[in-house]
């Protein structure tokens, strides 16, 4: 087959390529009968080669296209999956809950050093803390404390020399304290403390071994500093259960 014929065929639009073969053959009026016959034979072979080439291209396209589509689909699926996981984690950590570790003995006998707690944030996003809730709050940028709410916003708190706790000058009846508060551990609560509209007074259950609202360094706990409510002990497994 002549090189010129193949080049002419390849230069034609693909949809008209077969028709182009005949046009190229018949366009040369100077051809003899034998030359025309030979040229038509070449054209027939060119058509056959063209069909085979198209078939091969379709097969190659059929092989590659699904694979390319699958890769794109898998990539998009992965991106969507990662996005969902990130959003889910963000939502859980910021609005639903988180894990917190008890460090020290200030909440004994109810909680112990090394206990892992699940902290419920959602309850305080839709409601307010309640008296006797065990809360986790930010002491500073790097430290959180676990304590129990004793005084509520707007109340007056005082502790007398016998270790009795007074709320608005009425003695509080509760059973959470491990021991009676000693006179040396009353701290700033020896004088009446008025809580602001968004402030809470907190104590550790181990009343004589706890840094809490009795100390000026801790003071009243602002509502915005409360991370959430400790609701469940998830470790150690031997003590797993609801936090009272």
C-alpha atoms as a PDB file:
ATOM      1  CA  UNK A   1       0.000   0.000   0.000  1.00  0.00           C
ATOM      2  CA  UNK A   2       1.441   3.414  -0.957  1.00  0.00           C
ATOM      3  CA  UNK A   3       2.595   5.769   1.798  1.00  0.00           C
ATOM      4  CA  UNK A   4       0.747   8.689   0.131  1.00  0.00           C
ATOM      5  CA  UNK A   5      -2.564   6.807   0.190  1.00  0.00           C
ATOM      6  CA  UNK A   6      -2.270   5.982   3.896  1.00  0.00           C
ATOM      7  CA  UNK A   7      -1.374   9.577   4.736  1.00  0.00           C
ATOM      8  CA  UNK A   8      -4.408  10.885   2.795  1.00  0.00           C
ATOM      9  CA  UNK A   9      -6.677   8.429   4.585  1.00  0.00           C
ATOM     10  CA  UNK A  10      -5.313   9.327   8.027  1.00  0.00           C
ATOM     11  CA  UNK A  11      -5.799  13.047   7.340  1.00  0.00           C
ATOM     12  CA  UNK A  12      -9.509  12.582   6.714  1.00  0.00           C
ATOM     13  CA  UNK A  13     -12.135  12.891   9.478  1.00  0.00           C
ATOM     14  CA  UNK A  14     -12.498   9.553  11.243  1.00  0.00           C
ATOM     15  CA  UNK A  15     -16.261   9.382  10.640  1.00  0.00           C
ATOM     16  CA  UNK A  16     -15.691   9.739   6.860  1.00  0.00           C
ATOM     17  CA  UNK A  17     -12.511   7.686   6.624  1.00  0.00           C
ATOM     18  CA  UNK A  18     -13.965   4.738   4.713  1.00  0.00           C
ATOM     19  CA  UNK A  19     -15.693   7.002   2.234  1.00  0.00           C
ATOM     20  CA  UNK A  20     -12.434   8.869   1.873  1.00  0.00           C
ATOM     21  CA  UNK A  21     -10.680   5.776   0.553  1.00  0.00           C
ATOM     22  CA  UNK A  22     -12.947   5.565  -2.494  1.00  0.00           C
ATOM     23  CA  UNK A  23     -12.718   9.310  -3.134  1.00  0.00           C
ATOM     24  CA  UNK A  24      -8.926   9.213  -3.101  1.00  0.00           C
ATOM     25  CA  UNK A  25      -8.846   6.259  -5.502  1.00  0.00           C
ATOM     26  CA  UNK A  26     -11.301   7.798  -8.000  1.00  0.00           C
ATOM     27  CA  UNK A  27      -9.807  11.301  -7.837  1.00  0.00           C
ATOM     28  CA  UNK A  28      -6.875  10.465 -10.076  1.00  0.00           C
ATOM     29  CA  UNK A  29      -8.236  10.352 -13.683  1.00  0.00           C
ATOM     30  CA  UNK A  30      -4.789   9.609 -15.128  1.00  0.00           C
ATOM     31  CA  UNK A  31      -4.820   6.054 -13.799  1.00  0.00           C
ATOM     32  CA  UNK A  32      -4.986   3.172 -16.310  1.00  0.00           C
ATOM     33  CA  UNK A  33      -7.477   0.375 -15.886  1.00  0.00           C
ATOM     34  CA  UNK A  34      -4.866  -1.909 -14.376  1.00  0.00           C
ATOM     35  CA  UNK A  35      -3.521   0.858 -12.137  1.00  0.00           C
ATOM     36  CA  UNK A  36      -7.060   1.668 -11.023  1.00  0.00           C
ATOM     37  CA  UNK A  37      -7.658  -1.982 -10.217  1.00  0.00           C
ATOM     38  CA  UNK A  38      -4.426  -2.111  -8.202  1.00  0.00           C
ATOM     39  CA  UNK A  39      -5.336   1.149  -6.504  1.00  0.00           C
ATOM     40  CA  UNK A  40      -8.773  -0.221  -5.538  1.00  0.00           C
ATOM     41  CA  UNK A  41      -7.112  -3.309  -4.127  1.00  0.00           C
ATOM     42  CA  UNK A  42      -4.889  -1.084  -2.038  1.00  0.00           C
ATOM     43  CA  UNK A  43      -7.958   0.870  -0.960  1.00  0.00           C
ATOM     44  CA  UNK A  44      -9.719  -2.350   0.075  1.00  0.00           C
ATOM     45  CA  UNK A  45      -6.722  -3.302   2.176  1.00  0.00           C
ATOM     46  CA  UNK A  46      -6.668   0.219   3.613  1.00  0.00           C
ATOM     47  CA  UNK A  47     -10.345  -0.110   4.615  1.00  0.00           C
ATOM     48  CA  UNK A  48      -9.629  -3.436   6.275  1.00  0.00           C
ATOM     49  CA  UNK A  49      -6.637  -1.983   8.110  1.00  0.00           C
ATOM     50  CA  UNK A  50      -8.704   1.041   9.138  1.00  0.00           C
ATOM     51  CA  UNK A  51     -11.500  -1.137  10.541  1.00  0.00           C
ATOM     52  CA  UNK A  52      -8.969  -3.231  12.446  1.00  0.00           C
ATOM     53  CA  UNK A  53      -7.378  -0.045  13.816  1.00  0.00           C
ATOM     54  CA  UNK A  54     -10.761   1.284  14.937  1.00  0.00           C
ATOM     55  CA  UNK A  55     -11.591  -2.039  16.576  1.00  0.00           C
ATOM     56  CA  UNK A  56      -8.282  -2.041  18.428  1.00  0.00           C
ATOM     57  CA  UNK A  57      -8.855   1.532  19.584  1.00  0.00           C
ATOM     58  CA  UNK A  58     -12.352   0.670  20.837  1.00  0.00           C
ATOM     59  CA  UNK A  59     -10.966  -2.322  22.720  1.00  0.00           C
ATOM     60  CA  UNK A  60      -8.194  -0.212  24.234  1.00  0.00           C
ATOM     61  CA  UNK A  61     -10.711   2.470  25.206  1.00  0.00           C
ATOM     62  CA  UNK A  62     -13.021  -0.129  26.710  1.00  0.00           C
ATOM     63  CA  UNK A  63     -10.118  -1.464  28.755  1.00  0.00           C
ATOM     64  CA  UNK A  64      -8.831   1.872  29.990  1.00  0.00           C
ATOM     65  CA  UNK A  65     -12.010   3.856  30.564  1.00  0.00           C
ATOM     66  CA  UNK A  66     -13.602   1.692  33.283  1.00  0.00           C
ATOM     67  CA  UNK A  67     -10.256   1.497  35.092  1.00  0.00           C
ATOM     68  CA  UNK A  68      -9.849   5.278  34.976  1.00  0.00           C
ATOM     69  CA  UNK A  69     -13.429   5.778  36.154  1.00  0.00           C
ATOM     70  CA  UNK A  70     -12.928   3.298  38.997  1.00  0.00           C
ATOM     71  CA  UNK A  71      -9.779   5.102  40.165  1.00  0.00           C
ATOM     72  CA  UNK A  72     -11.586   8.454  40.176  1.00  0.00           C
ATOM     73  CA  UNK A  73     -14.559   6.959  42.002  1.00  0.00           C
ATOM     74  CA  UNK A  74     -12.322   5.342  44.599  1.00  0.00           C
ATOM     75  CA  UNK A  75     -10.418   8.592  45.104  1.00  0.00           C
ATOM     76  CA  UNK A  76     -13.617  10.600  45.508  1.00  0.00           C
ATOM     77  CA  UNK A  77     -15.027   7.975  47.874  1.00  0.00           C
ATOM     78  CA  UNK A  78     -11.849   8.130  49.965  1.00  0.00           C
ATOM     79  CA  UNK A  79     -11.982  11.938  50.136  1.00  0.00           C
ATOM     80  CA  UNK A  80     -15.648  11.860  51.159  1.00  0.00           C
ATOM     81  CA  UNK A  81     -14.944   9.147  53.757  1.00  0.00           C
ATOM     82  CA  UNK A  82     -12.047  11.098  55.283  1.00  0.00           C
ATOM     83  CA  UNK A  83     -14.164  14.253  55.333  1.00  0.00           C
ATOM     84  CA  UNK A  84     -16.997  12.456  57.137  1.00  0.00           C
ATOM     85  CA  UNK A  85     -14.588  10.973  59.705  1.00  0.00           C
ATOM     86  CA  UNK A  86     -12.991  14.379  60.370  1.00  0.00           C
ATOM     87  CA  UNK A  87     -16.387  16.060  60.771  1.00  0.00           C
ATOM     88  CA  UNK A  88     -17.621  13.222  62.999  1.00  0.00           C
ATOM     89  CA  UNK A  89     -14.536  13.437  65.249  1.00  0.00           C
ATOM     90  CA  UNK A  90     -14.814  17.236  65.400  1.00  0.00           C
ATOM     91  CA  UNK A  91     -18.471  16.975  66.381  1.00  0.00           C
ATOM     92  CA  UNK A  92     -17.811  14.277  69.012  1.00  0.00           C
ATOM     93  CA  UNK A  93     -14.845  16.063  70.620  1.00  0.00           C
ATOM     94  CA  UNK A  94     -16.432  19.518  70.639  1.00  0.00           C
ATOM     95  CA  UNK A  95     -20.090  18.782  71.283  1.00  0.00           C
ATOM     96  CA  UNK A  96     -20.664  15.221  72.486  1.00  0.00           C
ATOM     97  CA  UNK A  97     -17.890  14.048  74.790  1.00  0.00           C
ATOM     98  CA  UNK A  98     -14.274  13.194  75.446  1.00  0.00           C
ATOM     99  CA  UNK A  99     -12.037  11.122  77.697  1.00  0.00           C
ATOM    100  CA  UNK A 100     -10.473  12.507  80.875  1.00  0.00           C
ATOM    101  CA  UNK A 101      -7.914  11.085  83.297  1.00  0.00           C
ATOM    102  CA  UNK A 102      -8.127  11.413  87.082  1.00  0.00           C
ATOM    103  CA  UNK A 103      -4.779  12.604  88.394  1.00  0.00           C
ATOM    104  CA  UNK A 104      -4.392  12.370  92.165  1.00  0.00           C
ATOM    105  CA  UNK A 105      -6.577  11.385  95.113  1.00  0.00           C
ATOM    106  CA  UNK A 106      -8.776  14.493  95.496  1.00  0.00           C
ATOM    107  CA  UNK A 107     -11.961  12.620  94.483  1.00  0.00           C
ATOM    108  CA  UNK A 108     -11.542   9.572  96.704  1.00  0.00           C
ATOM    109  CA  UNK A 109     -13.333   7.416  97.709  1.00  0.00           C
ATOM    110  CA  UNK A 110     -15.516   7.760  94.573  1.00  0.00           C
ATOM    111  CA  UNK A 111     -12.779   8.216  91.973  1.00  0.00           C
ATOM    112  CA  UNK A 112      -9.148   7.158  92.123  1.00  0.00           C
ATOM    113  CA  UNK A 113      -5.837   8.183  90.611  1.00  0.00           C
ATOM    114  CA  UNK A 114      -5.556   6.795  87.080  1.00  0.00           C
ATOM    115  CA  UNK A 115      -9.285   6.349  86.482  1.00  0.00           C
ATOM    116  CA  UNK A 116     -10.345   7.025  82.885  1.00  0.00           C
ATOM    117  CA  UNK A 117     -13.640   8.878  82.597  1.00  0.00           C
ATOM    118  CA  UNK A 118     -16.035   9.538  79.754  1.00  0.00           C
ATOM    119  CA  UNK A 119     -17.024  13.204  79.887  1.00  0.00           C
ATOM    120  CA  UNK A 120     -20.443  14.181  78.572  1.00  0.00           C
ATOM    121  CA  UNK A 121     -20.382  17.570  76.824  1.00  0.00           C
ATOM    122  CA  UNK A 122     -23.740  17.337  75.114  1.00  0.00           C
ATOM    123  CA  UNK A 123     -25.776  17.691  78.328  1.00  0.00           C
ATOM    124  CA  UNK A 124     -24.185  21.045  79.109  1.00  0.00           C
ATOM    125  CA  UNK A 125     -24.579  22.216  75.521  1.00  0.00           C
ATOM    126  CA  UNK A 126     -28.338  21.882  75.853  1.00  0.00           C
ATOM    127  CA  UNK A 127     -28.711  22.363  79.618  1.00  0.00           C
ATOM    128  CA  UNK A 128     -26.961  23.647  82.753  1.00  0.00           C
ATOM    129  CA  UNK A 129     -24.821  21.888  85.373  1.00  0.00           C
ATOM    130  CA  UNK A 130     -26.585  20.690  88.525  1.00  0.00           C
ATOM    131  CA  UNK A 131     -25.572  20.485  92.146  1.00  0.00           C
ATOM    132  CA  UNK A 132     -23.454  17.406  92.949  1.00  0.00           C
ATOM    133  CA  UNK A 133     -22.493  16.834  89.300  1.00  0.00           C
ATOM    134  CA  UNK A 134     -18.910  15.644  88.944  1.00  0.00           C
ATOM    135  CA  UNK A 135     -17.431  18.003  86.398  1.00  0.00           C
ATOM    136  CA  UNK A 136     -14.215  18.405  84.439  1.00  0.00           C
ATOM    137  CA  UNK A 137     -13.106  22.014  84.082  1.00  0.00           C
ATOM    138  CA  UNK A 138     -10.089  23.883  82.744  1.00  0.00           C
ATOM    139  CA  UNK A 139      -7.773  25.029  85.515  1.00  0.00           C
ATOM    140  CA  UNK A 140      -5.373  26.544  82.996  1.00  0.00           C
ATOM    141  CA  UNK A 141      -4.425  25.997  79.353  1.00  0.00           C
ATOM    142  CA  UNK A 142      -2.712  22.674  80.079  1.00  0.00           C
ATOM    143  CA  UNK A 143      -4.548  21.320  83.132  1.00  0.00           C
ATOM    144  CA  UNK A 144      -8.059  20.113  83.863  1.00  0.00           C
ATOM    145  CA  UNK A 145      -9.531  19.325  87.284  1.00  0.00           C
ATOM    146  CA  UNK A 146     -12.218  16.835  88.276  1.00  0.00           C
ATOM    147  CA  UNK A 147     -14.407  18.120  91.135  1.00  0.00           C
ATOM    148  CA  UNK A 148     -17.985  18.072  92.412  1.00  0.00           C
ATOM    149  CA  UNK A 149     -20.340  21.043  92.173  1.00  0.00           C
ATOM    150  CA  UNK A 150     -21.489  22.237  95.590  1.00  0.00           C
ATOM    151  CA  UNK A 151     -22.572  25.830  95.057  1.00  0.00           C
ATOM    152  CA  UNK A 152     -24.727  27.129  92.204  1.00  0.00           C
ATOM    153  CA  UNK A 153     -24.770  30.541  90.463  1.00  0.00           C
ATOM    154  CA  UNK A 154     -26.089  33.357  92.638  1.00  0.00           C
ATOM    155  CA  UNK A 155     -25.752  31.403  95.900  1.00  0.00           C
ATOM    156  CA  UNK A 156     -23.719  32.282  98.980  1.00  0.00           C
ATOM    157  CA  UNK A 157     -21.310  29.613 100.267  1.00  0.00           C
ATOM    158  CA  UNK A 158     -19.768  29.351 103.719  1.00  0.00           C
ATOM    159  CA  UNK A 159     -18.036  26.603 105.703  1.00  0.00           C
ATOM    160  CA  UNK A 160     -17.985  26.791 109.520  1.00  0.00           C
ATOM    161  CA  UNK A 161     -15.276  25.606 111.906  1.00  0.00           C
ATOM    162  CA  UNK A 162     -17.004  22.236 112.297  1.00  0.00           C
ATOM    163  CA  UNK A 163     -16.733  21.574 108.576  1.00  0.00           C
ATOM    164  CA  UNK A 164     -20.424  22.155 107.848  1.00  0.00           C
ATOM    165  CA  UNK A 165     -21.245  23.639 104.445  1.00  0.00           C
ATOM    166  CA  UNK A 166     -23.894  26.370 104.248  1.00  0.00           C
ATOM    167  CA  UNK A 167     -25.781  27.398 101.133  1.00  0.00           C
ATOM    168  CA  UNK A 168     -27.519  30.752 101.601  1.00  0.00           C
ATOM    169  CA  UNK A 169     -27.018  30.194 105.349  1.00  0.00           C
ATOM    170  CA  UNK A 170     -28.808  26.838 105.262  1.00  0.00           C
ATOM    171  CA  UNK A 171     -26.695  23.767 106.090  1.00  0.00           C
ATOM    172  CA  UNK A 172     -26.173  21.469 103.125  1.00  0.00           C
ATOM    173  CA  UNK A 173     -27.000  17.813 103.677  1.00  0.00           C
ATOM    174  CA  UNK A 174     -24.798  15.601 101.503  1.00  0.00           C
ATOM    175  CA  UNK A 175     -22.905  12.316 101.723  1.00  0.00           C
ATOM    176  CA  UNK A 176     -20.072  12.733  99.228  1.00  0.00           C
ATOM    177  CA  UNK A 177     -17.314  13.971 101.521  1.00  0.00           C
ATOM    178  CA  UNK A 178     -14.766  11.375 102.588  1.00  0.00           C
ATOM    179  CA  UNK A 179     -14.077  13.206 105.842  1.00  0.00           C
ATOM    180  CA  UNK A 180     -15.295  16.213 107.781  1.00  0.00           C
ATOM    181  CA  UNK A 181     -13.506  19.347 106.627  1.00  0.00           C
ATOM    182  CA  UNK A 182     -10.811  20.339 109.144  1.00  0.00           C
ATOM    183  CA  UNK A 183     -10.568  23.986 110.268  1.00  0.00           C
ATOM    184  CA  UNK A 184      -7.178  24.272 108.569  1.00  0.00           C
ATOM    185  CA  UNK A 185      -8.743  23.318 105.214  1.00  0.00           C
ATOM    186  CA  UNK A 186     -11.674  25.748 105.139  1.00  0.00           C
ATOM    187  CA  UNK A 187      -9.677  28.370 103.255  1.00  0.00           C
ATOM    188  CA  UNK A 188     -11.492  31.335 101.762  1.00  0.00           C
ATOM    189  CA  UNK A 189     -14.856  29.693 102.501  1.00  0.00           C
ATOM    190  CA  UNK A 190     -14.530  30.685 106.171  1.00  0.00           C
ATOM    191  CA  UNK A 191     -16.142  33.917 104.956  1.00  0.00           C
ATOM    192  CA  UNK A 192     -19.314  33.976 102.857  1.00  0.00           C
ATOM    193  CA  UNK A 193     -18.578  33.700  99.126  1.00  0.00           C
ATOM    194  CA  UNK A 194     -21.147  35.104  96.714  1.00  0.00           C
ATOM    195  CA  UNK A 195     -21.174  33.309  93.393  1.00  0.00           C
ATOM    196  CA  UNK A 196     -21.732  35.229  90.158  1.00  0.00           C
ATOM    197  CA  UNK A 197     -24.461  34.426  87.630  1.00  0.00           C
ATOM    198  CA  UNK A 198     -22.193  32.011  85.763  1.00  0.00           C
ATOM    199  CA  UNK A 199     -20.012  30.747  88.642  1.00  0.00           C
ATOM    200  CA  UNK A 200     -19.911  27.465  90.555  1.00  0.00           C
ATOM    201  CA  UNK A 201     -18.287  26.448  93.847  1.00  0.00           C
ATOM    202  CA  UNK A 202     -16.602  23.035  93.612  1.00  0.00           C
ATOM    203  CA  UNK A 203     -15.038  20.650  96.139  1.00  0.00           C
ATOM    204  CA  UNK A 204     -13.120  17.421  95.865  1.00  0.00           C
ATOM    205  CA  UNK A 205     -14.750  14.465  97.643  1.00  0.00           C
ATOM    206  CA  UNK A 206     -11.514  13.970  99.581  1.00  0.00           C
ATOM    207  CA  UNK A 207     -12.221  17.237 101.377  1.00  0.00           C
ATOM    208  CA  UNK A 208      -8.953  17.426 103.340  1.00  0.00           C
ATOM    209  CA  UNK A 209      -6.762  16.621 100.352  1.00  0.00           C
ATOM    210  CA  UNK A 210      -8.105  18.637  97.451  1.00  0.00           C
ATOM    211  CA  UNK A 211      -7.272  21.851  95.623  1.00  0.00           C
ATOM    212  CA  UNK A 212     -10.652  23.356  94.863  1.00  0.00           C
ATOM    213  CA  UNK A 213     -12.768  26.499  95.220  1.00  0.00           C
ATOM    214  CA  UNK A 214     -11.638  26.949  98.841  1.00  0.00           C
ATOM    215  CA  UNK A 215      -8.270  28.058  97.476  1.00  0.00           C
ATOM    216  CA  UNK A 216      -7.802  31.456  95.837  1.00  0.00           C
ATOM    217  CA  UNK A 217      -5.652  29.793  93.142  1.00  0.00           C
ATOM    218  CA  UNK A 218      -8.704  27.860  91.950  1.00  0.00           C
ATOM    219  CA  UNK A 219     -11.571  30.064  93.138  1.00  0.00           C
ATOM    220  CA  UNK A 220     -15.040  30.010  91.670  1.00  0.00           C
ATOM    221  CA  UNK A 221     -15.379  28.045  88.431  1.00  0.00           C
ATOM    222  CA  UNK A 222     -16.785  29.952  85.465  1.00  0.00           C
ATOM    223  CA  UNK A 223     -19.407  28.275  83.308  1.00  0.00           C
ATOM    224  CA  UNK A 224     -17.257  28.761  80.218  1.00  0.00           C
ATOM    225  CA  UNK A 225     -14.406  26.803  81.811  1.00  0.00           C
ATOM    226  CA  UNK A 226     -16.503  23.682  82.366  1.00  0.00           C
ATOM    227  CA  UNK A 227     -15.649  20.992  79.818  1.00  0.00           C
ATOM    228  CA  UNK A 228     -18.463  18.618  80.714  1.00  0.00           C
ATOM    229  CA  UNK A 229     -19.927  16.146  83.183  1.00  0.00           C
ATOM    230  CA  UNK A 230     -18.037  12.983  84.139  1.00  0.00           C
ATOM    231  CA  UNK A 231     -20.680  10.302  83.647  1.00  0.00           C
ATOM    232  CA  UNK A 232     -18.899   6.976  83.169  1.00  0.00           C
ATOM    233  CA  UNK A 233     -15.700   5.307  84.321  1.00  0.00           C
ATOM    234  CA  UNK A 234     -14.312   3.357  81.380  1.00  0.00           C
ATOM    235  CA  UNK A 235     -11.083   2.171  83.042  1.00  0.00           C
ATOM    236  CA  UNK A 236      -9.974   0.205  85.013  1.00  0.00           C
ATOM    237  CA  UNK A 237     -12.318  -2.524  83.857  1.00  0.00           C
ATOM    238  CA  UNK A 238     -12.773  -3.773  87.423  1.00  0.00           C
ATOM    239  CA  UNK A 239     -14.395  -0.435  88.365  1.00  0.00           C
ATOM    240  CA  UNK A 240     -16.224   0.291  85.124  1.00  0.00           C
ATOM    241  CA  UNK A 241     -19.570   1.971  85.690  1.00  0.00           C
ATOM    242  CA  UNK A 242     -21.556   5.170  86.174  1.00  0.00           C
ATOM    243  CA  UNK A 243     -19.937   8.028  88.091  1.00  0.00           C
ATOM    244  CA  UNK A 244     -22.080   9.008  91.080  1.00  0.00           C
END
